[in-house]
PDB file of N, CA and C in Angstrom:
ATOM      1  N   UNK A   1      21.465 -27.873  31.238  1.00  0.00           N
ATOM      2  CA  UNK A   1      20.379 -27.292  31.014  1.00  0.00           C
ATOM      3  C   UNK A   1      20.720 -26.621  29.218  1.00  0.00           C
ATOM      4  N   UNK A   2      22.036 -26.433  29.267  1.00  0.00           N
ATOM      5  CA  UNK A   2      22.044 -25.912  27.693  1.00  0.00           C
ATOM      6  C   UNK A   2      21.543 -27.179  27.029  1.00  0.00           C
ATOM      7  N   UNK A   3      22.572 -28.635  27.352  1.00  0.00           N
ATOM      8  CA  UNK A   3      21.402 -29.506  26.144  1.00  0.00           C
ATOM      9  C   UNK A   3      19.983 -29.686  26.043  1.00  0.00           C
ATOM     10  N   UNK A   4      19.149 -28.363  26.953  1.00  0.00           N
ATOM     11  CA  UNK A   4      17.621 -29.373  26.272  1.00  0.00           C
ATOM     12  C   UNK A   4      17.737 -26.984  25.553  1.00  0.00           C
ATOM     13  N   UNK A   5      18.480 -26.154  25.316  1.00  0.00           N
ATOM     14  CA  UNK A   5      18.236 -25.502  24.517  1.00  0.00           C
ATOM     15  C   UNK A   5      18.550 -25.872  23.916  1.00  0.00           C
ATOM     16  N   UNK A   6      19.451 -26.319  24.243  1.00  0.00           N
ATOM     17  CA  UNK A   6      20.278 -27.324  21.598  1.00  0.00           C
ATOM     18  C   UNK A   6      18.887 -27.641  20.861  1.00  0.00           C
ATOM     19  N   UNK A   7      18.191 -27.979  21.710  1.00  0.00           N
ATOM     20  CA  UNK A   7      16.761 -29.375  21.541  1.00  0.00           C
ATOM     21  C   UNK A   7      16.266 -28.218  20.298  1.00  0.00           C
ATOM     22  N   UNK A   8      16.498 -26.854  20.112  1.00  0.00           N
ATOM     23  CA  UNK A   8      15.066 -26.225  20.110  1.00  0.00           C
ATOM     24  C   UNK A   8      15.870 -25.664  18.778  1.00  0.00           C
ATOM     25  N   UNK A   9      15.306 -25.487  17.663  1.00  0.00           N
ATOM     26  CA  UNK A   9      15.383 -24.356  16.687  1.00  0.00           C
ATOM     27  C   UNK A   9      14.691 -23.964  16.266  1.00  0.00           C
ATOM     28  N   UNK A  10      14.746 -22.435  14.882  1.00  0.00           N
ATOM     29  CA  UNK A  10      13.679 -21.542  14.513  1.00  0.00           C
ATOM     30  C   UNK A  10      14.013 -23.343  13.035  1.00  0.00           C
ATOM     31  N   UNK A  11      12.746 -23.670  13.194  1.00  0.00           N
ATOM     32  CA  UNK A  11      11.858 -24.091  11.947  1.00  0.00           C
ATOM     33  C   UNK A  11      11.077 -23.546  10.850  1.00  0.00           C
ATOM     34  N   UNK A  12      11.089 -23.502   9.691  1.00  0.00           N
ATOM     35  CA  UNK A  12      10.803 -21.955   9.227  1.00  0.00           C
ATOM     36  C   UNK A  12       9.640 -23.549   8.049  1.00  0.00           C
ATOM     37  N   UNK A  13       8.928 -23.256   7.237  1.00  0.00           N
ATOM     38  CA  UNK A  13       7.390 -23.581   6.367  1.00  0.00           C
ATOM     39  C   UNK A  13       9.027 -24.238   5.561  1.00  0.00           C
ATOM     40  N   UNK A  14       9.733 -24.136   4.758  1.00  0.00           N
ATOM     41  CA  UNK A  14      10.324 -24.181   4.169  1.00  0.00           C
ATOM     42  C   UNK A  14      11.213 -26.024   4.272  1.00  0.00           C
ATOM     43  N   UNK A  15      11.317 -25.852   5.841  1.00  0.00           N
ATOM     44  CA  UNK A  15      12.211 -26.650   6.174  1.00  0.00           C
ATOM     45  C   UNK A  15      12.016 -28.056   6.503  1.00  0.00           C
ATOM     46  N   UNK A  16      10.988 -27.923   6.734  1.00  0.00           N
ATOM     47  CA  UNK A  16       9.487 -29.160   7.278  1.00  0.00           C
ATOM     48  C   UNK A  16       9.954 -30.702   6.128  1.00  0.00           C
ATOM     49  N   UNK A  17      10.022 -31.575   7.312  1.00  0.00           N
ATOM     50  CA  UNK A  17      10.448 -32.817   6.805  1.00  0.00           C
ATOM     51  C   UNK A  17       8.906 -33.588   7.246  1.00  0.00           C
ATOM     52  N   UNK A  18       8.496 -33.597   8.539  1.00  0.00           N
ATOM     53  CA  UNK A  18       7.668 -34.351   9.066  1.00  0.00           C
ATOM     54  C   UNK A  18       6.543 -33.145   9.786  1.00  0.00           C
ATOM     55  N   UNK A  19       4.947 -33.048   9.383  1.00  0.00           N
ATOM     56  CA  UNK A  19       3.946 -33.153   9.676  1.00  0.00           C
ATOM     57  C   UNK A  19       3.053 -33.177  10.799  1.00  0.00           C
ATOM     58  N   UNK A  20       4.098 -33.512  12.019  1.00  0.00           N
ATOM     59  CA  UNK A  20       3.394 -33.613  13.184  1.00  0.00           C
ATOM     60  C   UNK A  20       1.769 -33.773  13.625  1.00  0.00           C
ATOM     61  N   UNK A  21       0.760 -35.063  13.778  1.00  0.00           N
ATOM     62  CA  UNK A  21      -0.522 -34.530  13.825  1.00  0.00           C
ATOM     63  C   UNK A  21      -0.813 -34.216  15.269  1.00  0.00           C
ATOM     64  N   UNK A  22      -1.360 -33.027  16.183  1.00  0.00           N
ATOM     65  CA  UNK A  22      -0.550 -32.676  17.152  1.00  0.00           C
ATOM     66  C   UNK A  22      -2.547 -33.006  18.503  1.00  0.00           C
ATOM     67  N   UNK A  23      -3.358 -33.239  17.355  1.00  0.00           N
ATOM     68  CA  UNK A  23      -4.720 -32.916  17.949  1.00  0.00           C
ATOM     69  C   UNK A  23      -5.607 -32.161  16.973  1.00  0.00           C
ATOM     70  N   UNK A  24      -6.933 -32.806  17.738  1.00  0.00           N
ATOM     71  CA  UNK A  24      -8.060 -32.587  16.842  1.00  0.00           C
ATOM     72  C   UNK A  24      -8.224 -30.439  17.172  1.00  0.00           C
ATOM     73  N   UNK A  25      -8.895 -29.576  16.668  1.00  0.00           N
ATOM     74  CA  UNK A  25      -8.590 -28.228  16.568  1.00  0.00           C
ATOM     75  C   UNK A  25      -9.261 -27.858  17.731  1.00  0.00           C
ATOM     76  N   UNK A  26     -10.459 -28.694  18.193  1.00  0.00           N
ATOM     77  CA  UNK A  26     -11.329 -28.726  19.437  1.00  0.00           C
ATOM     78  C   UNK A  26     -10.892 -29.036  20.736  1.00  0.00           C
ATOM     79  N   UNK A  27      -9.718 -29.645  20.244  1.00  0.00           N
ATOM     80  CA  UNK A  27      -9.118 -29.734  21.989  1.00  0.00           C
ATOM     81  C   UNK A  27      -8.322 -28.634  22.197  1.00  0.00           C
ATOM     82  N   UNK A  28      -7.892 -27.474  21.367  1.00  0.00           N
ATOM     83  CA  UNK A  28      -7.206 -26.655  21.204  1.00  0.00           C
ATOM     84  C   UNK A  28      -8.476 -25.270  22.409  1.00  0.00           C
ATOM     85  N   UNK A  29      -8.651 -24.812  22.932  1.00  0.00           N
ATOM     86  CA  UNK A  29      -9.295 -23.594  23.850  1.00  0.00           C
ATOM     87  C   UNK A  29      -9.123 -21.788  22.699  1.00  0.00           C
ATOM     88  N   UNK A  30      -9.913 -21.936  22.324  1.00  0.00           N
ATOM     89  CA  UNK A  30      -9.490 -20.556  21.656  1.00  0.00           C
ATOM     90  C   UNK A  30      -9.097 -18.980  22.601  1.00  0.00           C
ATOM     91  N   UNK A  31      -7.907 -18.875  21.727  1.00  0.00           N
ATOM     92  CA  UNK A  31      -6.990 -17.503  22.391  1.00  0.00           C
ATOM     93  C   UNK A  31      -6.374 -18.059  24.153  1.00  0.00           C
ATOM     94  N   UNK A  32      -5.888 -19.090  23.355  1.00  0.00           N
ATOM     95  CA  UNK A  32      -5.185 -19.965  24.708  1.00  0.00           C
ATOM     96  C   UNK A  32      -3.954 -21.093  23.898  1.00  0.00           C
ATOM     97  N   UNK A  33      -3.530 -21.427  24.519  1.00  0.00           N
ATOM     98  CA  UNK A  33      -2.603 -22.532  24.795  1.00  0.00           C
ATOM     99  C   UNK A  33      -3.254 -24.274  25.220  1.00  0.00           C
ATOM    100  N   UNK A  34      -1.852 -25.004  24.741  1.00  0.00           N
ATOM    101  CA  UNK A  34      -1.740 -26.330  25.040  1.00  0.00           C
ATOM    102  C   UNK A  34      -0.412 -26.827  25.099  1.00  0.00           C
ATOM    103  N   UNK A  35       0.072 -27.650  25.255  1.00  0.00           N
ATOM    104  CA  UNK A  35       0.750 -28.220  25.141  1.00  0.00           C
ATOM    105  C   UNK A  35       1.047 -29.225  24.531  1.00  0.00           C
ATOM    106  N   UNK A  36       1.791 -29.856  23.576  1.00  0.00           N
ATOM    107  CA  UNK A  36       1.734 -31.105  23.381  1.00  0.00           C
ATOM    108  C   UNK A  36       3.259 -31.838  23.433  1.00  0.00           C
ATOM    109  N   UNK A  37       3.514 -32.828  23.376  1.00  0.00           N
ATOM    110  CA  UNK A  37       5.578 -33.936  23.036  1.00  0.00           C
ATOM    111  C   UNK A  37       4.840 -34.409  21.486  1.00  0.00           C
ATOM    112  N   UNK A  38       6.576 -33.820  21.279  1.00  0.00           N
ATOM    113  CA  UNK A  38       6.590 -34.269  19.565  1.00  0.00           C
ATOM    114  C   UNK A  38       8.242 -35.277  20.877  1.00  0.00           C
ATOM    115  N   UNK A  39       8.554 -36.157  19.796  1.00  0.00           N
ATOM    116  CA  UNK A  39       9.653 -36.857  20.598  1.00  0.00           C
ATOM    117  C   UNK A  39      10.084 -37.126  22.162  1.00  0.00           C
ATOM    118  N   UNK A  40      11.068 -35.683  22.989  1.00  0.00           N
ATOM    119  CA  UNK A  40      11.284 -35.610  23.666  1.00  0.00           C
ATOM    120  C   UNK A  40      11.438 -34.148  23.696  1.00  0.00           C
ATOM    121  N   UNK A  41      10.220 -33.272  22.923  1.00  0.00           N
ATOM    122  CA  UNK A  41       9.657 -32.260  22.667  1.00  0.00           C
ATOM    123  C   UNK A  41       8.835 -31.248  23.849  1.00  0.00           C
ATOM    124  N   UNK A  42       8.342 -30.720  24.732  1.00  0.00           N
ATOM    125  CA  UNK A  42       7.170 -29.941  24.765  1.00  0.00           C
ATOM    126  C   UNK A  42       6.666 -28.878  23.620  1.00  0.00           C
ATOM    127  N   UNK A  43       5.948 -28.816  23.504  1.00  0.00           N
ATOM    128  CA  UNK A  43       5.396 -27.842  22.304  1.00  0.00           C
ATOM    129  C   UNK A  43       4.289 -27.016  22.360  1.00  0.00           C
ATOM    130  N   UNK A  44       4.936 -26.011  22.540  1.00  0.00           N
ATOM    131  CA  UNK A  44       3.292 -24.777  22.853  1.00  0.00           C
ATOM    132  C   UNK A  44       2.232 -24.542  21.424  1.00  0.00           C
ATOM    133  N   UNK A  45       1.493 -24.705  21.782  1.00  0.00           N
ATOM    134  CA  UNK A  45       0.661 -24.477  20.407  1.00  0.00           C
ATOM    135  C   UNK A  45      -0.501 -23.441  20.936  1.00  0.00           C
ATOM    136  N   UNK A  46      -1.313 -22.708  19.966  1.00  0.00           N
ATOM    137  CA  UNK A  46      -1.293 -21.461  20.127  1.00  0.00           C
ATOM    138  C   UNK A  46      -2.827 -21.260  19.741  1.00  0.00           C
ATOM    139  N   UNK A  47      -3.777 -21.261  19.153  1.00  0.00           N
ATOM    140  CA  UNK A  47      -4.851 -20.696  18.420  1.00  0.00           C
ATOM    141  C   UNK A  47      -5.227 -19.369  18.764  1.00  0.00           C
ATOM    142  N   UNK A  48      -4.784 -18.673  18.130  1.00  0.00           N
ATOM    143  CA  UNK A  48      -4.740 -17.113  18.685  1.00  0.00           C
ATOM    144  C   UNK A  48      -6.886 -16.838  17.160  1.00  0.00           C
ATOM    145  N   UNK A  49      -7.730 -16.994  17.919  1.00  0.00           N
ATOM    146  CA  UNK A  49      -8.332 -17.192  17.247  1.00  0.00           C
ATOM    147  C   UNK A  49      -9.017 -15.728  17.325  1.00  0.00           C
ATOM    148  N   UNK A  50      -8.201 -14.168  17.771  1.00  0.00           N
ATOM    149  CA  UNK A  50      -8.454 -12.619  17.502  1.00  0.00           C
ATOM    150  C   UNK A  50      -7.963 -12.306  16.549  1.00  0.00           C
ATOM    151  N   UNK A  51      -6.619 -13.432  15.472  1.00  0.00           N
ATOM    152  CA  UNK A  51      -6.164 -12.973  14.603  1.00  0.00           C
ATOM    153  C   UNK A  51      -5.665 -14.334  13.976  1.00  0.00           C
ATOM    154  N   UNK A  52      -6.753 -14.739  14.264  1.00  0.00           N
ATOM    155  CA  UNK A  52      -7.059 -16.011  12.915  1.00  0.00           C
ATOM    156  C   UNK A  52      -5.933 -17.067  12.251  1.00  0.00           C
ATOM    157  N   UNK A  53      -4.928 -16.977  13.312  1.00  0.00           N
ATOM    158  CA  UNK A  53      -3.699 -17.737  13.454  1.00  0.00           C
ATOM    159  C   UNK A  53      -3.553 -18.926  14.505  1.00  0.00           C
ATOM    160  N   UNK A  54      -2.626 -19.350  14.289  1.00  0.00           N
ATOM    161  CA  UNK A  54      -1.823 -20.836  15.444  1.00  0.00           C
ATOM    162  C   UNK A  54      -0.609 -20.599  15.008  1.00  0.00           C
ATOM    163  N   UNK A  55       0.178 -20.508  16.426  1.00  0.00           N
ATOM    164  CA  UNK A  55       1.314 -20.608  16.403  1.00  0.00           C
ATOM    165  C   UNK A  55       1.476 -22.274  17.017  1.00  0.00           C
ATOM    166  N   UNK A  56       3.451 -21.921  16.913  1.00  0.00           N
ATOM    167  CA  UNK A  56       3.641 -23.447  18.086  1.00  0.00           C
ATOM    168  C   UNK A  56       5.590 -22.897  18.437  1.00  0.00           C
ATOM    169  N   UNK A  57       6.050 -22.617  19.682  1.00  0.00           N
ATOM    170  CA  UNK A  57       6.543 -22.765  20.035  1.00  0.00           C
ATOM    171  C   UNK A  57       7.402 -23.766  20.765  1.00  0.00           C
ATOM    172  N   UNK A  58       8.426 -23.913  21.132  1.00  0.00           N
ATOM    173  CA  UNK A  58       8.740 -23.998  22.498  1.00  0.00           C
ATOM    174  C   UNK A  58       8.592 -24.150  23.887  1.00  0.00           C
ATOM    175  N   UNK A  59       8.002 -24.773  24.823  1.00  0.00           N
ATOM    176  CA  UNK A  59       6.957 -24.857  25.970  1.00  0.00           C
ATOM    177  C   UNK A  59       8.584 -24.198  27.174  1.00  0.00           C
ATOM    178  N   UNK A  60       9.821 -24.310  27.135  1.00  0.00           N
ATOM    179  CA  UNK A  60      10.528 -23.757  27.794  1.00  0.00           C
ATOM    180  C   UNK A  60      10.720 -22.086  27.255  1.00  0.00           C
ATOM    181  N   UNK A  61      10.469 -21.544  28.995  1.00  0.00           N
ATOM    182  CA  UNK A  61      10.637 -20.290  28.988  1.00  0.00           C
ATOM    183  C   UNK A  61      12.222 -19.822  29.297  1.00  0.00           C
ATOM    184  N   UNK A  62      13.017 -19.578  28.281  1.00  0.00           N
ATOM    185  CA  UNK A  62      14.530 -19.582  28.476  1.00  0.00           C
ATOM    186  C   UNK A  62      15.158 -19.100  30.380  1.00  0.00           C
ATOM    187  N   UNK A  63      14.027 -17.919  30.215  1.00  0.00           N
ATOM    188  CA  UNK A  63      14.547 -16.917  32.294  1.00  0.00           C
ATOM    189  C   UNK A  63      15.118 -17.929  33.027  1.00  0.00           C
ATOM    190  N   UNK A  64      13.914 -19.069  33.419  1.00  0.00           N
ATOM    191  CA  UNK A  64      13.712 -19.144  34.959  1.00  0.00           C
ATOM    192  C   UNK A  64      13.861 -20.717  34.677  1.00  0.00           C
ATOM    193  N   UNK A  65      14.339 -21.476  32.952  1.00  0.00           N
ATOM    194  CA  UNK A  65      14.409 -22.568  32.446  1.00  0.00           C
ATOM    195  C   UNK A  65      13.016 -23.407  32.758  1.00  0.00           C
ATOM    196  N   UNK A  66      11.750 -22.949  33.222  1.00  0.00           N
ATOM    197  CA  UNK A  66      10.147 -23.705  33.004  1.00  0.00           C
ATOM    198  C   UNK A  66       9.413 -24.181  32.030  1.00  0.00           C
ATOM    199  N   UNK A  67       8.948 -25.248  31.480  1.00  0.00           N
ATOM    200  CA  UNK A  67       8.339 -25.334  30.567  1.00  0.00           C
ATOM    201  C   UNK A  67       6.864 -24.855  31.072  1.00  0.00           C
ATOM    202  N   UNK A  68       6.599 -23.380  30.758  1.00  0.00           N
ATOM    203  CA  UNK A  68       5.329 -22.725  31.078  1.00  0.00           C
ATOM    204  C   UNK A  68       4.715 -21.604  29.923  1.00  0.00           C
ATOM    205  N   UNK A  69       5.751 -21.911  29.075  1.00  0.00           N
ATOM    206  CA  UNK A  69       4.731 -20.752  27.489  1.00  0.00           C
ATOM    207  C   UNK A  69       3.580 -21.807  27.273  1.00  0.00           C
ATOM    208  N   UNK A  70       3.063 -22.526  27.144  1.00  0.00           N
ATOM    209  CA  UNK A  70       1.549 -22.736  27.553  1.00  0.00           C
ATOM    210  C   UNK A  70       1.062 -22.431  27.511  1.00  0.00           C
ATOM    211  N   UNK A  71       1.254 -22.176  29.138  1.00  0.00           N
ATOM    212  CA  UNK A  71      -0.007 -21.560  29.898  1.00  0.00           C
ATOM    213  C   UNK A  71      -0.417 -19.675  29.837  1.00  0.00           C
ATOM    214  N   UNK A  72       0.698 -19.252  28.844  1.00  0.00           N
ATOM    215  CA  UNK A  72       1.151 -18.206  28.746  1.00  0.00           C
ATOM    216  C   UNK A  72       0.293 -16.559  28.376  1.00  0.00           C
ATOM    217  N   UNK A  73       0.323 -15.775  28.726  1.00  0.00           N
ATOM    218  CA  UNK A  73      -0.416 -14.955  28.183  1.00  0.00           C
ATOM    219  C   UNK A  73      -0.362 -14.938  26.617  1.00  0.00           C
ATOM    220  N   UNK A  74      -1.533 -14.702  25.183  1.00  0.00           N
ATOM    221  CA  UNK A  74      -1.484 -14.139  24.564  1.00  0.00           C
ATOM    222  C   UNK A  74      -1.720 -12.653  23.931  1.00  0.00           C
ATOM    223  N   UNK A  75      -0.726 -11.918  23.456  1.00  0.00           N
ATOM    224  CA  UNK A  75      -0.736 -10.793  23.086  1.00  0.00           C
ATOM    225  C   UNK A  75      -0.851 -10.264  21.617  1.00  0.00           C
ATOM    226  N   UNK A  76      -0.402  -9.243  21.744  1.00  0.00           N
ATOM    227  CA  UNK A  76       0.243  -8.047  20.500  1.00  0.00           C
ATOM    228  C   UNK A  76       0.895  -6.883  21.060  1.00  0.00           C
ATOM    229  N   UNK A  77       1.808  -6.893  20.414  1.00  0.00           N
ATOM    230  CA  UNK A  77       2.906  -5.736  20.664  1.00  0.00           C
ATOM    231  C   UNK A  77       3.479  -5.258  19.074  1.00  0.00           C
ATOM    232  N   UNK A  78       2.445  -4.267  19.082  1.00  0.00           N
ATOM    233  CA  UNK A  78       3.187  -3.777  17.308  1.00  0.00           C
ATOM    234  C   UNK A  78       2.367  -3.830  16.426  1.00  0.00           C
ATOM    235  N   UNK A  79       1.373  -4.529  16.796  1.00  0.00           N
ATOM    236  CA  UNK A  79       0.812  -5.731  14.891  1.00  0.00           C
ATOM    237  C   UNK A  79       2.062  -7.356  15.258  1.00  0.00           C
ATOM    238  N   UNK A  80       3.180  -8.076  16.380  1.00  0.00           N
ATOM    239  CA  UNK A  80       3.401  -8.704  16.424  1.00  0.00           C
ATOM    240  C   UNK A  80       3.118  -9.737  17.768  1.00  0.00           C
ATOM    241  N   UNK A  81       2.375 -11.164  16.934  1.00  0.00           N
ATOM    242  CA  UNK A  81       1.520 -12.369  17.838  1.00  0.00           C
ATOM    243  C   UNK A  81       2.586 -12.145  18.952  1.00  0.00           C
ATOM    244  N   UNK A  82       2.350 -12.220  20.326  1.00  0.00           N
ATOM    245  CA  UNK A  82       3.743 -12.716  21.153  1.00  0.00           C
ATOM    246  C   UNK A  82       2.869 -13.533  22.550  1.00  0.00           C
ATOM    247  N   UNK A  83       4.082 -14.098  22.964  1.00  0.00           N
ATOM    248  CA  UNK A  83       3.535 -14.803  24.411  1.00  0.00           C
ATOM    249  C   UNK A  83       4.169 -14.265  25.392  1.00  0.00           C
ATOM    250  N   UNK A  84       3.766 -13.946  26.788  1.00  0.00           N
ATOM    251  CA  UNK A  84       4.257 -13.711  27.556  1.00  0.00           C
ATOM    252  C   UNK A  84       4.111 -15.184  28.996  1.00  0.00           C
ATOM    253  N   UNK A  85       5.193 -15.142  29.252  1.00  0.00           N
ATOM    254  CA  UNK A  85       6.185 -16.436  30.371  1.00  0.00           C
ATOM    255  C   UNK A  85       4.398 -15.747  31.497  1.00  0.00           C
ATOM    256  N   UNK A  86       3.689 -16.895  32.048  1.00  0.00           N
ATOM    257  CA  UNK A  86       2.991 -16.625  32.990  1.00  0.00           C
ATOM    258  C   UNK A  86       3.694 -16.081  34.530  1.00  0.00           C
ATOM    259  N   UNK A  87       4.922 -16.276  34.499  1.00  0.00           N
ATOM    260  CA  UNK A  87       5.163 -16.578  35.857  1.00  0.00           C
ATOM    261  C   UNK A  87       5.958 -15.365  35.964  1.00  0.00           C
ATOM    262  N   UNK A  88       6.771 -15.615  34.643  1.00  0.00           N
ATOM    263  CA  UNK A  88       7.825 -13.179  34.641  1.00  0.00           C
ATOM    264  C   UNK A  88       7.677 -12.594  33.647  1.00  0.00           C
ATOM    265  N   UNK A  89       6.822 -12.941  33.334  1.00  0.00           N
ATOM    266  CA  UNK A  89       5.859 -11.789  31.993  1.00  0.00           C
ATOM    267  C   UNK A  89       7.276 -11.314  30.775  1.00  0.00           C
ATOM    268  N   UNK A  90       8.119 -12.826  31.457  1.00  0.00           N
ATOM    269  CA  UNK A  90       9.028 -12.091  29.712  1.00  0.00           C
ATOM    270  C   UNK A  90       8.042 -12.641  28.796  1.00  0.00           C
ATOM    271  N   UNK A  91       8.928 -11.883  27.292  1.00  0.00           N
ATOM    272  CA  UNK A  91       7.787 -11.801  25.625  1.00  0.00           C
ATOM    273  C   UNK A  91       8.825 -12.118  24.219  1.00  0.00           C
ATOM    274  N   UNK A  92       8.145 -12.840  24.165  1.00  0.00           N
ATOM    275  CA  UNK A  92       8.653 -13.493  23.660  1.00  0.00           C
ATOM    276  C   UNK A  92       6.992 -13.585  21.580  1.00  0.00           C
ATOM    277  N   UNK A  93       7.978 -13.425  20.384  1.00  0.00           N
ATOM    278  CA  UNK A  93       7.434 -12.616  19.019  1.00  0.00           C
ATOM    279  C   UNK A  93       7.096 -14.718  18.438  1.00  0.00           C
ATOM    280  N   UNK A  94       5.485 -15.041  18.629  1.00  0.00           N
ATOM    281  CA  UNK A  94       5.502 -16.130  18.121  1.00  0.00           C
ATOM    282  C   UNK A  94       5.570 -17.139  16.985  1.00  0.00           C
ATOM    283  N   UNK A  95       6.113 -15.539  15.596  1.00  0.00           N
ATOM    284  CA  UNK A  95       6.652 -15.314  14.620  1.00  0.00           C
ATOM    285  C   UNK A  95       7.943 -15.619  14.181  1.00  0.00           C
ATOM    286  N   UNK A  96       8.865 -15.404  15.258  1.00  0.00           N
ATOM    287  CA  UNK A  96      10.268 -15.409  14.820  1.00  0.00           C
ATOM    288  C   UNK A  96      10.659 -16.320  16.129  1.00  0.00           C
ATOM    289  N   UNK A  97      10.344 -16.510  17.348  1.00  0.00           N
ATOM    290  CA  UNK A  97      10.662 -16.167  18.601  1.00  0.00           C
ATOM    291  C   UNK A  97      11.196 -15.217  19.540  1.00  0.00           C
ATOM    292  N   UNK A  98      11.745 -14.181  18.727  1.00  0.00           N
ATOM    293  CA  UNK A  98      12.584 -12.930  19.128  1.00  0.00           C
ATOM    294  C   UNK A  98      11.955 -12.854  20.582  1.00  0.00           C
ATOM    295  N   UNK A  99      13.097 -12.386  21.785  1.00  0.00           N
ATOM    296  CA  UNK A  99      12.278 -11.923  22.967  1.00  0.00           C
ATOM    297  C   UNK A  99      11.908 -10.197  22.965  1.00  0.00           C
ATOM    298  N   UNK A 100      10.933  -9.681  22.957  1.00  0.00           N
ATOM    299  CA  UNK A 100      10.930  -8.268  23.521  1.00  0.00           C
ATOM    300  C   UNK A 100      11.032  -7.563  23.721  1.00  0.00           C
ATOM    301  N   UNK A 101      11.552  -8.702  25.025  1.00  0.00           N
ATOM    302  CA  UNK A 101      12.452  -7.730  25.688  1.00  0.00           C
ATOM    303  C   UNK A 101      13.691  -6.870  25.955  1.00  0.00           C
ATOM    304  N   UNK A 102      14.642  -8.285  25.637  1.00  0.00           N
ATOM    305  CA  UNK A 102      15.986  -7.858  24.589  1.00  0.00           C
ATOM    306  C   UNK A 102      16.574  -8.484  25.508  1.00  0.00           C
ATOM    307  N   UNK A 103      16.156  -8.989  26.605  1.00  0.00           N
ATOM    308  CA  UNK A 103      17.427  -9.513  27.451  1.00  0.00           C
ATOM    309  C   UNK A 103      17.487 -11.046  27.546  1.00  0.00           C
ATOM    310  N   UNK A 104      17.380 -12.113  26.505  1.00  0.00           N
ATOM    311  CA  UNK A 104      16.516 -13.472  26.367  1.00  0.00           C
ATOM    312  C   UNK A 104      17.145 -13.292  25.076  1.00  0.00           C
ATOM    313  N   UNK A 105      17.748 -15.049  25.010  1.00  0.00           N
ATOM    314  CA  UNK A 105      17.876 -15.417  23.408  1.00  0.00           C
ATOM    315  C   UNK A 105      16.383 -15.233  23.410  1.00  0.00           C
ATOM    316  N   UNK A 106      16.282 -15.762  21.650  1.00  0.00           N
ATOM    317  CA  UNK A 106      15.021 -16.328  20.935  1.00  0.00           C
ATOM    318  C   UNK A 106      14.806 -17.521  21.147  1.00  0.00           C
ATOM    319  N   UNK A 107      13.683 -18.012  21.519  1.00  0.00           N
ATOM    320  CA  UNK A 107      12.906 -19.640  21.377  1.00  0.00           C
ATOM    321  C   UNK A 107      12.620 -19.939  19.790  1.00  0.00           C
ATOM    322  N   UNK A 108      12.991 -20.889  20.007  1.00  0.00           N
ATOM    323  CA  UNK A 108      11.944 -21.927  19.104  1.00  0.00           C
ATOM    324  C   UNK A 108      10.765 -21.360  18.150  1.00  0.00           C
ATOM    325  N   UNK A 109      10.688 -21.573  17.206  1.00  0.00           N
ATOM    326  CA  UNK A 109       8.748 -21.767  16.711  1.00  0.00           C
ATOM    327  C   UNK A 109       8.794 -22.348  15.613  1.00  0.00           C
ATOM    328  N   UNK A 110       7.874 -23.192  15.535  1.00  0.00           N
ATOM    329  CA  UNK A 110       7.443 -23.906  14.408  1.00  0.00           C
ATOM    330  C   UNK A 110       6.397 -24.211  14.011  1.00  0.00           C
ATOM    331  N   UNK A 111       6.525 -24.129  12.425  1.00  0.00           N
ATOM    332  CA  UNK A 111       5.133 -23.823  11.536  1.00  0.00           C
ATOM    333  C   UNK A 111       4.809 -24.958  11.850  1.00  0.00           C
ATOM    334  N   UNK A 112       2.586 -24.370  11.584  1.00  0.00           N
ATOM    335  CA  UNK A 112       1.388 -25.331  11.807  1.00  0.00           C
ATOM    336  C   UNK A 112       0.907 -24.444  10.906  1.00  0.00           C
ATOM    337  N   UNK A 113       0.010 -25.780  10.775  1.00  0.00           N
ATOM    338  CA  UNK A 113      -0.860 -25.977  10.255  1.00  0.00           C
ATOM    339  C   UNK A 113      -2.150 -26.908  10.077  1.00  0.00           C
ATOM    340  N   UNK A 114      -3.692 -26.491   9.506  1.00  0.00           N
ATOM    341  CA  UNK A 114      -4.384 -27.052  10.135  1.00  0.00           C
ATOM    342  C   UNK A 114      -4.680 -27.738   9.104  1.00  0.00           C
ATOM    343  N   UNK A 115      -5.264 -29.462   8.374  1.00  0.00           N
ATOM    344  CA  UNK A 115      -6.122 -30.689   7.343  1.00  0.00           C
ATOM    345  C   UNK A 115      -7.139 -31.069   8.547  1.00  0.00           C
ATOM    346  N   UNK A 116      -8.124 -30.616   7.361  1.00  0.00           N
ATOM    347  CA  UNK A 116      -9.393 -31.239   8.279  1.00  0.00           C
ATOM    348  C   UNK A 116      -9.711 -31.508   8.895  1.00  0.00           C
ATOM    349  N   UNK A 117      -9.892 -31.089  10.057  1.00  0.00           N
ATOM    350  CA  UNK A 117     -10.039 -30.134  11.776  1.00  0.00           C
ATOM    351  C   UNK A 117      -8.587 -31.404  12.649  1.00  0.00           C
ATOM    352  N   UNK A 118      -7.564 -31.492  12.056  1.00  0.00           N
ATOM    353  CA  UNK A 118      -6.717 -31.551  12.874  1.00  0.00           C
ATOM    354  C   UNK A 118      -5.684 -30.555  12.528  1.00  0.00           C
ATOM    355  N   UNK A 119      -5.151 -30.240  13.588  1.00  0.00           N
ATOM    356  CA  UNK A 119      -3.147 -29.232  13.856  1.00  0.00           C
ATOM    357  C   UNK A 119      -2.433 -30.290  14.024  1.00  0.00           C
ATOM    358  N   UNK A 120      -0.781 -29.707  12.584  1.00  0.00           N
ATOM    359  CA  UNK A 120       0.144 -30.133  12.400  1.00  0.00           C
ATOM    360  C   UNK A 120       0.877 -28.990  12.469  1.00  0.00           C
ATOM    361  N   UNK A 121       2.256 -29.672  13.416  1.00  0.00           N
ATOM    362  CA  UNK A 121       3.676 -29.243  12.924  1.00  0.00           C
ATOM    363  C   UNK A 121       4.445 -29.503  12.620  1.00  0.00           C
ATOM    364  N   UNK A 122       4.729 -28.570  12.153  1.00  0.00           N
ATOM    365  CA  UNK A 122       5.989 -28.956  11.188  1.00  0.00           C
ATOM    366  C   UNK A 122       7.516 -28.859  12.086  1.00  0.00           C
ATOM    367  N   UNK A 123       8.060 -30.084  11.734  1.00  0.00           N
ATOM    368  CA  UNK A 123       9.304 -30.227  12.050  1.00  0.00           C
ATOM    369  C   UNK A 123      11.128 -30.513  11.184  1.00  0.00           C
ATOM    370  N   UNK A 124      11.727 -30.339  11.335  1.00  0.00           N
ATOM    371  CA  UNK A 124      13.006 -30.830  10.550  1.00  0.00           C
ATOM    372  C   UNK A 124      13.143 -31.767  10.738  1.00  0.00           C
ATOM    373  N   UNK A 125      13.070 -32.283  11.305  1.00  0.00           N
ATOM    374  CA  UNK A 125      13.946 -34.482  11.862  1.00  0.00           C
ATOM    375  C   UNK A 125      13.116 -35.171  11.495  1.00  0.00           C
TER     376      UNK A 125
END
């Protein structure tokens, strides 16, 4: 499983070399997530309408190594937008990827931009 995890890194907006056109804005439910595929990665994309923000992170939950984060529950912890794994409720910051429970490694996060009603995810490769 280490090879799966090593494919995920935190990408800051300054490191973006490729903006992947994921889907139209209308393809995503408000206050929910969906999974898109970019090369060999599954990416969870969230339209956090209550906060007026979009987020993207790896779809793999490192707790049980399941591709489920796109089906997780969006929330807020002390102003930090977070996603909770739908299986075991492990939570992660959607801004930094940090595990908010403090017992797992961080997940990868990716910048998101909206242009002409399309969602783009930034990658460093």
